[in-house]
Amino acid sequence: MVGPMMMRADEINCLVYAYLRDSGLNHTAFSLLNEAQLDGSPNFQKHIPHGELIELLGKSLLFVEVEKHWAGNNRMVTNCTAPFSLLEEHSCAVDPALKSTASLEIAMGIESFKRKAGDDLDGGHVAKRARADTQTSTANGTGSFYQLFVRAIMDGTGNDSQAKNVAVAPKIAPKSRMEPPKSTTFDPAVIGPSGEAVQLFCAAAHPHDLQLIAAGSRDGSINIKTVPATGPALDASRDKVLKVAGDVDGDITSMDWSPDGRLLSIACYDHQVRVITHEGSLYLEGSAHANSVFASKFSKDSKWLISAGLDCTTCVWNIPEKRIYKQVRHGGCCLDLEWVGEDIFAVCCSDNKVHIMHIDGTAPFASFIGHSSEVNSIKYNPATNHLASCSDDSTARIWSLDTIRATVTTEQTVKITECIVFKGHSAPVNNIGWAGPPGAEVLVTSSFDSTSRMWDARTGACLMIFNDHTRPIFSIGVSPDRCFFATGGSDGWLHVYSVHKFERVWSWRHTVSTAHGVFDVAWRRNDTEKINRFALALESGEICVVNANMIPELQ
């Protein structure tokens, strides 16, 4: 017998409060806090991971699916194509062309048995198919799709034309055993907070002084740490803790160093855009946004700063003159920004679109249309003039900017639907990155389905699926040479993958038992100073600094 299951109203209120905070509904959360008197509850002090309510609701839908499709005798109906919803009664829509029932283990995707060593199923055909994936597959001696692509990545030529337009199933990497770092002689530097431990949401490494690392916390503080290349900070004389926002609604959502290294931009839940100097003094504070600010980024010449917010607007700031230059309203809240030219930037919104703006324009001069849900993140690749986007619709897409031109005076927005679509994830895709050499670019993605993937950026073919994480992935960081990428998740693990080898090469996990999520990865490299390392913003309120030069697998 198991113990009794208990569900208290106080526990549900705490889950709803955490969900409201995660969603940016801070006023509603504050009302619930006061009306339910949550600050006096012992459950209010407990750690609730981000997205916990959504995860629990997702598990409940899985239970409902099993309940509705249970056919008895360990069998489940498997040919129902009707979706499940939280608020609607499920009505099965049976497809006669599909197999009607299967065992519970198979229907739920659970491996019901393990093969014994030497077992040969189906007269050896299974083993032959596995070997065919890794051996040559054409009569003229050319390699398989994967070998051709790996060859292109390794030599950087991109001459893998035979691999183009080849439809193959993606390879799935073996599940890792979650062992400690392979390089057991190296111990990453975990730097404690200066003061009370508060979740660190984002990290930013200085573009020139790679010893300088900034991290933004949940209580509106900015920690600027000086970490020598040889290890953790021994002399804290340059370390600073700046309180830029209040404890309530003070969540730092993103930071960006100006390319010249003089300034650091800060986006915050309290509606403010702030810019501080590298020495820690306030340079600019603007209140143009009417709600939480999600992103801010400097132009390449450090003259302009763009910001995006929950109030459905983007703002352009004139940095030398310390003033707002332009504000434009969109059809949905703005979630991410990216510069795609000297005076042109892209913004993705909850209206399912990616808009291309000129800093002098009053409306987008082009919009990329195709996603069926809000767009979470965008990344620009100047080598190919392509923009990648990822969305809650579980897809990523690549758009070409070659066909559009900035016409500030036009009154009509050009709508573009042509793109490369990357399908495969089973949950929202929250992070993307560009990897691989020119001519053989790889798009890497991470999702709330706890997997990360590598894709051929030109064809949309999925090259590899990594399932090492056990919970949703929060962040992706690509190495400056684009040979590796790292993923950090709510399970507390950091995994680093080789783009060339198509495999996981190194892992690390914090030793704390709770609040061990990895929220952000900032990777920087300077060959002149022989610095190659990345910083992690941790849920525990600490900064972890990993010196990649000390890890043979990352050379």
Protein backbone atom coordinates (compact mmCIF):
# COMPACT_ATOMS: atom_id res chain seq x y z
CA MET A 1 0.00 0.00 0.00
CA VAL A 2 1.21 3.48 -0.80
CA GLY A 3 0.57 6.42 1.46
CA PRO A 4 -2.54 8.58 0.97
CA MET A 5 -2.46 11.24 -1.74
CA MET A 6 -3.11 14.74 -0.45
CA MET A 7 -3.88 17.85 -2.46
CA ARG A 8 -4.25 21.03 -0.43
CA ALA A 9 -5.65 24.32 -1.69
CA ASP A 10 -2.56 26.03 -0.30
CA GLU A 11 -0.29 23.90 -2.50
CA ILE A 12 -2.39 24.66 -5.59
CA ASN A 13 -2.29 28.39 -4.83
CA CYS A 14 1.51 28.27 -4.61
CA LEU A 15 1.71 26.48 -7.97
CA VAL A 16 -0.63 29.04 -9.57
CA TYR A 17 1.38 31.89 -8.03
CA ALA A 18 4.62 30.48 -9.50
CA TYR A 19 2.92 30.07 -12.89
CA LEU A 20 1.70 33.68 -12.85
CA ARG A 21 5.20 34.93 -12.03
CA ASP A 22 6.72 32.82 -14.81
CA SER A 23 4.15 34.23 -17.25
CA GLY A 24 4.90 37.85 -16.37
CA LEU A 25 1.47 38.42 -14.77
CA ASN A 26 3.02 40.05 -11.76
CA HIS A 27 0.05 42.18 -10.64
CA THR A 28 -2.25 39.15 -10.66
CA ALA A 29 0.37 37.16 -8.77
CA PHE A 30 0.65 39.93 -6.18
CA SER A 31 -3.13 39.90 -5.69
CA LEU A 32 -3.15 36.13 -5.20
CA LEU A 33 -0.23 36.44 -2.76
CA ASN A 34 -2.17 38.85 -0.55
CA GLU A 35 -5.65 37.36 -0.82
CA ALA A 36 -4.49 33.78 -0.16
CA GLN A 37 -1.94 34.97 2.45
CA LEU A 38 0.71 32.82 0.78
CA ASP A 39 3.63 34.58 2.47
CA GLY A 40 2.47 32.99 5.74
CA SER A 41 2.35 29.48 4.31
CA PRO A 42 5.24 27.01 4.79
CA ASN A 43 4.71 25.89 1.18
CA PHE A 44 5.53 29.40 -0.06
CA GLN A 45 9.17 28.91 0.95
CA LYS A 46 9.51 25.69 -1.01
CA HIS A 47 11.31 25.69 -4.34
CA ILE A 48 8.94 25.40 -7.32
CA PRO A 49 10.80 24.82 -10.63
CA HIS A 50 9.86 26.94 -13.63
CA GLY A 51 6.97 25.44 -15.58
CA GLU A 52 6.02 23.04 -12.77
CA LEU A 53 2.26 23.65 -13.12
CA ILE A 54 2.43 23.09 -16.89
CA GLU A 55 4.39 19.88 -16.38
CA LEU A 56 1.86 18.56 -13.87
CA LEU A 57 -1.03 19.41 -16.20
CA GLY A 58 0.77 17.64 -19.04
CA LYS A 59 1.14 14.52 -16.90
CA SER A 60 -2.55 14.68 -16.04
CA LEU A 61 -3.43 14.73 -19.75
CA LEU A 62 -1.30 11.61 -20.23
CA PHE A 63 -3.27 9.92 -17.45
CA VAL A 64 -6.55 10.97 -19.07
CA GLU A 65 -5.34 9.55 -22.38
CA VAL A 66 -4.60 6.19 -20.77
CA GLU A 67 -7.96 6.25 -18.99
CA LYS A 68 -9.91 7.07 -22.18
CA HIS A 69 -8.05 4.60 -24.41
CA TRP A 70 -7.81 1.68 -21.97
CA ALA A 71 -9.11 -1.45 -23.73
CA GLY A 72 -8.50 -3.95 -20.92
CA ASN A 73 -6.07 -6.85 -20.72
CA ASN A 74 -3.05 -4.53 -20.80
CA ARG A 75 -4.13 -3.12 -24.18
CA MET A 76 -4.67 0.46 -25.35
CA VAL A 77 -6.45 1.96 -28.34
CA THR A 78 -3.80 3.43 -30.63
CA ASN A 79 -5.74 4.55 -33.72
CA CYS A 80 -7.43 7.60 -32.18
CA THR A 81 -6.40 10.83 -33.91
CA ALA A 82 -8.47 13.31 -31.86
CA PRO A 83 -6.44 15.72 -29.68
CA PHE A 84 -6.73 16.06 -25.90
CA SER A 85 -7.57 19.35 -24.22
CA LEU A 86 -7.72 20.50 -20.63
CA LEU A 87 -11.15 22.10 -21.01
CA GLU A 88 -12.89 19.93 -23.59
CA GLU A 89 -14.33 16.42 -23.27
CA HIS A 90 -12.39 13.96 -25.40
CA SER A 91 -14.26 12.25 -28.22
CA CYS A 92 -12.32 9.57 -30.07
CA ALA A 93 -11.85 9.86 -33.82
CA VAL A 94 -10.75 6.40 -34.98
CA ASP A 95 -8.62 6.00 -38.09
CA PRO A 96 -9.26 2.49 -39.54
CA ALA A 97 -5.98 2.64 -41.45
CA LEU A 98 -3.98 2.57 -38.22
CA LYS A 99 -3.37 -0.37 -35.91
CA SER A 100 -6.26 -0.43 -33.43
CA THR A 101 -4.58 -1.62 -30.22
CA ALA A 102 -1.16 -2.23 -28.71
CA SER A 103 0.25 -3.24 -25.35
CA LEU A 104 0.41 -0.49 -22.76
CA GLU A 105 4.24 -0.49 -22.80
CA ILE A 106 4.45 -0.05 -26.57
CA ALA A 107 1.61 2.50 -26.72
CA MET A 108 3.34 4.68 -24.11
CA GLY A 109 6.72 4.33 -25.82
CA ILE A 110 8.21 2.19 -23.03
CA GLU A 111 10.78 -0.46 -23.81
CA SER A 112 9.12 -3.68 -22.59
CA PHE A 113 12.13 -5.94 -22.88
CA LYS A 114 15.88 -5.90 -23.34
CA ARG A 115 17.65 -7.96 -25.95
CA LYS A 116 20.02 -10.60 -24.74
CA ALA A 117 23.56 -10.50 -26.03
CA GLY A 118 23.73 -12.16 -29.39
CA ASP A 119 19.97 -12.07 -30.06
CA ASP A 120 19.22 -11.79 -33.76
CA LEU A 121 15.71 -10.60 -34.58
CA ASP A 122 14.09 -11.07 -37.95
CA GLY A 123 16.86 -13.24 -39.36
CA GLY A 124 19.54 -10.59 -38.82
CA HIS A 125 17.73 -7.83 -40.73
CA VAL A 126 17.71 -5.52 -37.71
CA ALA A 127 21.47 -5.73 -37.32
CA LYS A 128 21.98 -5.22 -41.04
CA ARG A 129 19.86 -2.09 -41.05
CA ALA A 130 21.88 -0.70 -38.13
CA ARG A 131 25.13 -1.36 -39.94
CA ALA A 132 23.77 0.24 -43.10
CA ASP A 133 23.34 3.54 -41.25
CA THR A 134 27.04 3.80 -40.54
CA GLN A 135 28.56 2.15 -43.64
CA THR A 136 28.61 3.23 -47.28
CA SER A 137 25.26 3.03 -48.93
CA THR A 138 25.80 3.80 -52.60
CA ALA A 139 27.33 1.78 -55.39
CA ASN A 140 29.86 4.40 -56.40
CA GLY A 141 31.59 4.34 -53.01
CA THR A 142 30.37 7.68 -51.70
CA GLY A 143 29.42 7.84 -48.03
CA SER A 144 26.01 7.77 -46.39
CA PHE A 145 24.13 11.00 -45.76
CA TYR A 146 25.68 11.36 -42.32
CA GLN A 147 29.22 10.63 -43.52
CA LEU A 148 28.88 13.17 -46.31
CA PHE A 149 27.66 15.82 -43.92
CA VAL A 150 30.34 15.06 -41.33
CA ARG A 151 32.96 15.24 -44.07
CA ALA A 152 31.66 18.67 -45.08
CA ILE A 153 31.75 19.86 -41.47
CA MET A 154 35.28 18.57 -40.95
CA ASP A 155 36.83 20.09 -44.09
CA GLY A 156 34.67 23.21 -44.03
CA THR A 157 34.10 23.13 -47.77
CA GLY A 158 30.41 22.47 -47.78
CA ASN A 159 30.88 20.23 -50.85
CA ASP A 160 28.37 17.66 -49.73
CA SER A 161 25.97 18.18 -52.60
CA GLN A 162 25.13 14.47 -52.63
CA ALA A 163 23.75 14.87 -49.12
CA LYS A 164 21.33 17.59 -50.13
CA ASN A 165 17.67 16.75 -50.46
CA VAL A 166 18.22 13.25 -49.08
CA ALA A 167 15.37 12.26 -46.77
CA VAL A 168 16.63 10.10 -43.90
CA ALA A 169 15.47 9.38 -40.38
CA PRO A 170 17.46 11.20 -37.69
CA LYS A 171 19.88 9.26 -35.53
CA ILE A 172 19.12 9.14 -31.83
CA ALA A 173 22.10 9.34 -29.51
CA PRO A 174 22.23 6.71 -26.74
CA LYS A 175 20.86 7.84 -23.40
CA SER A 176 23.74 9.01 -21.23
CA ARG A 177 24.39 7.37 -17.88
CA MET A 178 24.69 10.75 -16.19
CA GLU A 179 28.25 10.15 -15.05
CA PRO A 180 30.51 12.88 -13.60
CA PRO A 181 32.67 14.91 -15.99
CA LYS A 182 34.91 12.71 -18.10
CA SER A 183 37.88 14.96 -17.33
CA THR A 184 37.91 14.08 -13.66
CA THR A 185 41.06 16.14 -13.06
CA PHE A 186 39.18 19.35 -13.83
CA ASP A 187 36.79 20.88 -11.32
CA PRO A 188 34.77 23.91 -12.58
CA ALA A 189 34.87 27.04 -10.45
CA VAL A 190 31.53 27.61 -8.75
CA ILE A 191 31.47 31.16 -7.40
CA GLY A 192 29.02 31.92 -4.64
CA PRO A 193 26.85 35.04 -4.65
CA SER A 194 27.87 38.23 -2.89
CA GLY A 195 25.09 38.24 -0.30
CA GLU A 196 21.91 36.19 -0.13
CA ALA A 197 21.58 33.47 -2.78
CA VAL A 198 18.97 34.40 -5.40
CA GLN A 199 18.33 32.70 -8.74
CA LEU A 200 20.57 33.92 -11.57
CA PHE A 201 18.61 34.10 -14.80
CA CYS A 202 21.21 35.29 -17.31
CA ALA A 203 24.96 35.62 -17.82
CA ALA A 204 27.08 37.78 -20.13
CA ALA A 205 30.84 37.61 -20.70
CA HIS A 206 32.65 40.85 -21.58
CA PRO A 207 33.60 40.96 -25.30
CA HIS A 208 37.21 42.04 -24.65
CA ASP A 209 38.05 41.54 -20.99
CA LEU A 210 37.16 37.85 -20.79
CA GLN A 211 37.87 37.82 -17.07
CA LEU A 212 34.77 39.99 -16.57
CA ILE A 213 31.45 38.13 -16.21
CA ALA A 214 28.06 39.66 -15.42
CA ALA A 215 25.03 37.78 -14.11
CA GLY A 216 21.49 39.04 -13.54
CA SER A 217 19.34 37.76 -10.67
CA ARG A 218 15.71 37.48 -9.71
CA ASP A 219 15.90 40.23 -7.08
CA GLY A 220 17.07 42.94 -9.49
CA SER A 221 20.79 42.65 -8.75
CA ILE A 222 23.67 42.56 -11.20
CA ASN A 223 26.74 40.59 -10.13
CA ILE A 224 29.92 41.56 -11.99
CA LYS A 225 32.72 39.12 -11.22
CA THR A 226 36.38 39.11 -12.20
CA VAL A 227 37.57 35.55 -12.81
CA PRO A 228 41.23 35.07 -13.82
CA ALA A 229 41.89 32.64 -16.64
CA THR A 230 43.60 30.20 -14.29
CA GLY A 231 40.73 29.73 -11.84
CA PRO A 232 38.16 31.36 -9.58
CA ALA A 233 38.40 34.94 -8.42
CA LEU A 234 41.00 35.24 -5.69
CA ASP A 235 41.04 39.03 -5.58
CA ALA A 236 37.51 40.42 -5.37
CA SER A 237 38.57 44.08 -5.59
CA ARG A 238 36.91 44.48 -9.01
CA ASP A 239 33.79 42.50 -8.11
CA LYS A 240 30.57 44.51 -7.90
CA VAL A 241 26.98 43.91 -6.88
CA LEU A 242 24.60 46.52 -8.27
CA LYS A 243 21.01 46.74 -7.09
CA VAL A 244 19.21 48.12 -10.15
CA ALA A 245 15.61 47.01 -9.42
CA GLY A 246 13.37 46.05 -6.51
CA ASP A 247 12.89 42.63 -4.96
CA VAL A 248 9.37 42.44 -6.44
CA ASP A 249 9.17 42.53 -10.25
CA GLY A 250 12.94 42.90 -10.31
CA ASP A 251 13.71 39.81 -12.43
CA ILE A 252 16.57 40.50 -14.83
CA THR A 253 15.51 38.92 -18.13
CA SER A 254 18.52 39.60 -20.37
CA MET A 255 21.81 41.47 -20.59
CA ASP A 256 24.06 42.48 -23.47
CA TRP A 257 27.54 44.05 -23.51
CA SER A 258 28.10 46.72 -26.13
CA PRO A 259 30.61 45.58 -28.79
CA ASP A 260 33.08 48.25 -27.64
CA GLY A 261 32.85 46.83 -24.09
CA ARG A 262 32.00 50.13 -22.39
CA LEU A 263 28.36 49.49 -21.51
CA LEU A 264 26.02 46.72 -20.34
CA SER A 265 22.30 46.81 -21.18
CA ILE A 266 19.79 45.32 -18.75
CA ALA A 267 16.19 44.28 -19.46
CA CYS A 268 13.93 43.84 -16.44
CA TYR A 269 10.44 42.82 -15.35
CA ASP A 270 9.88 46.25 -13.78
CA HIS A 271 9.31 47.84 -17.24
CA GLN A 272 12.70 49.59 -17.22
CA VAL A 273 15.58 49.53 -19.68
CA ARG A 274 18.89 50.31 -18.03
CA VAL A 275 22.43 50.74 -19.27
CA ILE A 276 25.39 50.69 -16.88
CA THR A 277 29.09 51.20 -17.49
CA HIS A 278 31.61 48.40 -17.14
CA GLU A 279 32.71 50.16 -13.95
CA GLY A 280 29.21 49.79 -12.47
CA SER A 281 27.71 53.29 -12.69
CA LEU A 282 24.26 53.99 -14.17
CA TYR A 283 24.49 55.43 -17.69
CA LEU A 284 20.84 55.40 -18.85
CA GLU A 285 17.47 54.46 -17.39
CA GLY A 286 14.39 54.55 -19.61
CA SER A 287 10.73 53.92 -18.85
CA ALA A 288 9.24 53.86 -22.35
CA HIS A 289 7.84 50.35 -21.95
CA ALA A 290 4.53 49.89 -20.14
CA ASN A 291 5.24 46.31 -19.07
CA SER A 292 8.03 43.77 -18.57
CA VAL A 293 11.06 44.05 -20.88
CA PHE A 294 12.27 40.72 -22.25
CA ALA A 295 15.33 41.59 -24.36
CA SER A 296 17.75 44.38 -25.23
CA LYS A 297 20.67 44.35 -27.67
CA PHE A 298 23.33 46.78 -28.89
CA SER A 299 24.06 47.48 -32.54
CA LYS A 300 27.46 46.56 -33.92
CA ASP A 301 28.72 50.16 -33.68
CA SER A 302 27.37 50.48 -30.08
CA LYS A 303 25.38 53.55 -31.13
CA TRP A 304 21.91 52.02 -30.92
CA LEU A 305 20.11 49.84 -28.41
CA ILE A 306 16.88 48.00 -29.17
CA SER A 307 14.50 46.61 -26.54
CA ALA A 308 11.41 44.40 -26.67
CA GLY A 309 8.62 44.02 -24.15
CA LEU A 310 5.39 42.47 -23.01
CA ASP A 311 3.61 45.72 -23.95
CA CYS A 312 3.86 44.71 -27.65
CA THR A 313 6.39 47.42 -28.47
CA THR A 314 9.99 47.66 -29.58
CA CYS A 315 12.06 50.69 -28.65
CA VAL A 316 15.16 52.10 -30.31
CA TRP A 317 17.48 54.02 -27.98
CA ASN A 318 20.12 56.57 -29.03
CA ILE A 319 23.00 55.65 -26.73
CA PRO A 320 25.32 58.68 -27.24
CA GLU A 321 22.38 61.03 -26.59
CA LYS A 322 20.90 58.87 -23.79
CA ARG A 323 17.33 59.07 -25.08
CA ILE A 324 14.64 57.05 -26.81
CA TYR A 325 14.72 57.44 -30.58
CA LYS A 326 11.73 55.44 -31.80
CA GLN A 327 8.94 53.25 -30.45
CA VAL A 328 6.83 50.91 -32.61
CA ARG A 329 3.83 48.82 -31.58
CA HIS A 330 3.26 45.27 -32.88
CA GLY A 331 0.37 42.81 -32.90
CA GLY A 332 1.67 40.75 -29.98
CA CYS A 333 4.12 40.91 -27.11
CA CYS A 334 7.74 41.03 -28.31
CA LEU A 335 9.89 38.17 -27.03
CA ASP A 336 13.30 38.48 -28.70
CA LEU A 337 15.41 40.79 -30.87
CA GLU A 338 18.34 40.45 -33.26
CA TRP A 339 20.32 42.93 -35.32
CA VAL A 340 20.54 41.86 -38.99
CA GLY A 341 22.31 44.98 -40.31
CA GLU A 342 23.80 48.30 -39.28
CA ASP A 343 20.35 49.88 -38.90
CA ILE A 344 18.01 46.93 -39.43
CA PHE A 345 16.77 44.53 -36.78
CA ALA A 346 14.37 41.61 -36.41
CA VAL A 347 11.80 41.10 -33.65
CA CYS A 348 9.75 37.98 -32.93
CA CYS A 349 6.34 38.20 -31.30
CA SER A 350 3.44 36.30 -29.83
CA ASP A 351 1.51 37.13 -33.04
CA ASN A 352 3.38 34.13 -34.55
CA LYS A 353 5.47 36.37 -36.81
CA VAL A 354 9.01 37.67 -37.21
CA HIS A 355 9.12 41.32 -38.23
CA ILE A 356 12.02 43.12 -39.94
CA MET A 357 12.39 46.77 -38.95
CA HIS A 358 14.49 49.77 -39.94
CA ILE A 359 15.38 52.03 -37.03
CA ASP A 360 13.70 54.96 -38.84
CA GLY A 361 10.57 53.00 -39.76
CA THR A 362 7.17 53.27 -38.12
CA ALA A 363 6.16 49.74 -39.16
CA PRO A 364 7.92 46.54 -40.31
CA PHE A 365 8.92 46.62 -43.95
CA ALA A 366 8.85 42.80 -44.05
CA SER A 367 7.25 40.04 -41.98
CA PHE A 368 8.06 36.34 -41.97
CA ILE A 369 4.84 34.35 -41.63
CA GLY A 370 4.57 30.61 -41.06
CA HIS A 371 4.72 29.75 -37.38
CA SER A 372 1.38 28.71 -35.86
CA SER A 373 2.21 29.84 -32.32
CA GLU A 374 4.29 32.50 -30.60
CA VAL A 375 7.93 32.79 -31.67
CA ASN A 376 10.34 32.46 -28.74
CA SER A 377 13.80 33.22 -30.08
CA ILE A 378 15.64 34.32 -33.22
CA LYS A 379 19.31 34.07 -34.25
CA TYR A 380 21.02 35.70 -37.24
CA ASN A 381 23.79 34.10 -39.31
CA PRO A 382 25.68 36.87 -41.15
CA ALA A 383 27.69 34.33 -43.20
CA THR A 384 24.56 33.22 -45.06
CA ASN A 385 22.27 36.20 -44.36
CA HIS A 386 19.76 33.81 -42.84
CA LEU A 387 17.59 34.23 -39.76
CA ALA A 388 16.54 31.25 -37.63
CA SER A 389 13.46 31.24 -35.43
CA CYS A 390 11.88 28.79 -32.99
CA SER A 391 8.36 28.64 -31.65
CA ASP A 392 5.82 27.15 -29.29
CA ASP A 393 4.49 25.28 -32.34
CA SER A 394 7.39 22.81 -31.77
CA THR A 395 9.21 23.83 -34.95
CA ALA A 396 12.20 25.91 -35.97
CA ARG A 397 12.48 27.77 -39.27
CA ILE A 398 15.15 29.46 -41.37
CA TRP A 399 14.35 32.55 -43.41
CA SER A 400 16.47 34.23 -46.09
CA LEU A 401 16.98 37.99 -45.93
CA ASP A 402 18.44 38.14 -49.45
CA THR A 403 15.10 38.90 -51.07
CA ILE A 404 14.10 41.86 -48.90
CA ARG A 405 15.30 45.43 -48.96
CA ALA A 406 14.71 48.11 -46.36
CA THR A 407 12.28 50.67 -47.75
CA VAL A 408 11.56 53.05 -44.90
CA THR A 409 8.97 55.07 -46.78
CA THR A 410 6.79 52.14 -47.83
CA GLU A 411 3.37 51.92 -46.23
CA GLN A 412 2.91 48.21 -46.94
CA THR A 413 4.65 45.34 -45.19
CA VAL A 414 6.01 42.63 -47.48
CA LYS A 415 4.80 39.22 -46.29
CA ILE A 416 7.20 36.31 -46.78
CA THR A 417 6.19 32.70 -46.23
CA GLU A 418 9.03 30.83 -47.95
CA CYS A 419 11.31 29.14 -45.42
CA ILE A 420 12.92 25.87 -44.36
CA VAL A 421 10.90 24.11 -41.66
CA PHE A 422 12.47 21.90 -38.98
CA LYS A 423 9.93 19.46 -37.54
CA GLY A 424 10.45 16.80 -34.90
CA HIS A 425 10.26 18.26 -31.41
CA SER A 426 7.17 17.29 -29.41
CA ALA A 427 7.04 20.43 -27.23
CA PRO A 428 7.82 24.17 -27.60
CA VAL A 429 11.27 24.93 -29.00
CA ASN A 430 12.79 27.62 -26.78
CA ASN A 431 16.41 28.00 -27.92
CA ILE A 432 18.36 27.87 -31.18
CA GLY A 433 21.94 28.42 -32.28
CA TRP A 434 24.13 28.38 -35.39
CA ALA A 435 27.05 25.93 -35.46
CA GLY A 436 29.33 24.27 -38.01
CA PRO A 437 31.68 25.91 -40.56
CA PRO A 438 30.59 28.11 -43.47
CA GLY A 439 29.04 25.99 -46.20
CA ALA A 440 28.00 23.25 -43.80
CA GLU A 441 26.00 25.17 -41.22
CA VAL A 442 24.18 23.25 -38.53
CA LEU A 443 21.16 24.54 -36.62
CA VAL A 444 20.98 23.35 -33.01
CA THR A 445 17.73 23.50 -31.06
CA SER A 446 16.51 22.70 -27.57
CA SER A 447 13.00 22.10 -26.34
CA PHE A 448 10.77 21.61 -23.35
CA ASP A 449 10.55 17.97 -24.53
CA SER A 450 13.98 17.59 -22.82
CA THR A 451 15.83 16.91 -26.08
CA SER A 452 18.27 18.86 -28.21
CA ARG A 453 18.76 18.32 -31.92
CA MET A 454 21.22 18.98 -34.74
CA TRP A 455 19.79 19.88 -38.16
CA ASP A 456 21.15 20.39 -41.66
CA ALA A 457 20.53 24.12 -42.02
CA ARG A 458 20.05 23.90 -45.80
CA THR A 459 17.65 20.99 -46.12
CA GLY A 460 15.85 20.83 -42.76
CA ALA A 461 16.95 17.21 -42.22
CA CYS A 462 17.41 16.22 -38.57
CA LEU A 463 20.93 14.87 -38.12
CA MET A 464 20.94 13.83 -34.47
CA ILE A 465 18.66 13.73 -31.43
CA PHE A 466 20.20 14.01 -27.96
CA ASN A 467 18.05 12.86 -25.03
CA ASP A 468 20.51 13.23 -22.14
CA HIS A 469 18.37 15.67 -20.14
CA THR A 470 15.55 14.35 -17.98
CA ARG A 471 13.65 17.65 -17.70
CA PRO A 472 13.10 20.72 -19.93
CA ILE A 473 16.19 22.42 -21.37
CA PHE A 474 16.57 26.10 -20.50
CA SER A 475 19.55 27.28 -22.54
CA ILE A 476 21.94 26.65 -25.44
CA GLY A 477 25.43 28.07 -25.79
CA VAL A 478 27.50 27.62 -28.97
CA SER A 479 31.29 27.84 -28.76
CA PRO A 480 32.82 30.80 -30.65
CA ASP A 481 34.51 28.42 -33.13
CA ARG A 482 31.09 26.76 -33.63
CA CYS A 483 32.59 23.30 -33.02
CA PHE A 484 30.65 22.61 -29.79
CA PHE A 485 27.37 23.51 -28.18
CA ALA A 486 26.26 23.21 -24.57
CA THR A 487 22.77 22.74 -23.13
CA GLY A 488 21.66 23.51 -19.58
CA GLY A 489 18.44 22.20 -18.09
CA SER A 490 16.15 22.23 -15.11
CA ASP A 491 17.54 18.82 -14.15
CA GLY A 492 20.77 20.55 -13.13
CA TRP A 493 22.88 19.02 -15.90
CA LEU A 494 25.14 20.76 -18.40
CA HIS A 495 25.92 18.66 -21.47
CA VAL A 496 28.46 19.63 -24.14
CA TYR A 497 28.21 18.14 -27.64
CA SER A 498 30.69 17.96 -30.51
CA VAL A 499 29.31 19.20 -33.82
CA HIS A 500 31.97 17.22 -35.68
CA LYS A 501 31.51 13.95 -33.82
CA PHE A 502 27.73 14.13 -33.44
CA GLU A 503 28.03 13.06 -29.80
CA ARG A 504 28.07 14.21 -26.19
CA VAL A 505 31.67 14.75 -25.07
CA TRP A 506 31.44 16.25 -21.57
CA SER A 507 28.94 16.72 -18.74
CA TRP A 508 28.73 18.46 -15.39
CA ARG A 509 26.15 18.74 -12.64
CA HIS A 510 25.97 20.93 -9.56
CA THR A 511 26.36 19.18 -6.23
CA VAL A 512 23.39 20.95 -4.58
CA SER A 513 20.33 18.75 -4.13
CA THR A 514 17.73 21.41 -4.98
CA ALA A 515 17.59 24.61 -7.04
CA HIS A 516 20.25 23.30 -9.39
CA GLY A 517 18.86 24.40 -12.76
CA VAL A 518 21.20 25.88 -15.41
CA PHE A 519 19.45 28.99 -16.71
CA ASP A 520 22.00 30.47 -19.12
CA VAL A 521 25.29 29.68 -20.90
CA ALA A 522 27.70 32.42 -22.02
CA TRP A 523 30.70 31.13 -24.04
CA ARG A 524 33.68 33.32 -24.97
CA ARG A 525 37.08 32.61 -26.54
CA ASN A 526 40.22 34.68 -27.09
CA ASP A 527 43.04 32.83 -28.86
CA THR A 528 45.53 35.66 -28.25
CA GLU A 529 45.11 35.40 -24.49
CA LYS A 530 44.49 31.63 -24.75
CA ILE A 531 41.14 31.93 -22.97
CA ASN A 532 38.34 29.55 -23.88
CA ARG A 533 35.62 29.18 -21.29
CA PHE A 534 31.94 29.55 -20.57
CA ALA A 535 29.96 30.86 -17.62
CA LEU A 536 26.73 29.39 -16.31
CA ALA A 537 23.97 31.28 -14.51
CA LEU A 538 22.64 28.84 -11.91
CA GLU A 539 19.32 28.58 -10.13
CA SER A 540 21.27 28.31 -6.86
CA GLY A 541 22.41 31.94 -7.25
CA GLU A 542 25.97 30.95 -8.14
CA ILE A 543 28.08 31.42 -11.25
CA CYS A 544 29.89 28.38 -12.60
CA VAL A 545 32.95 29.07 -14.77
CA VAL A 546 34.18 26.19 -16.94
CA ASN A 547 37.68 26.51 -18.38
CA ALA A 548 37.44 24.62 -21.67
CA ASN A 549 41.24 24.66 -22.04
CA MET A 550 41.45 22.25 -19.11
CA ILE A 551 39.13 19.70 -20.73
CA PRO A 552 40.79 17.53 -23.43
CA GLU A 553 37.40 16.58 -24.90
CA LEU A 554 36.75 20.25 -25.74
CA GLN A 555 39.99 20.91 -27.61
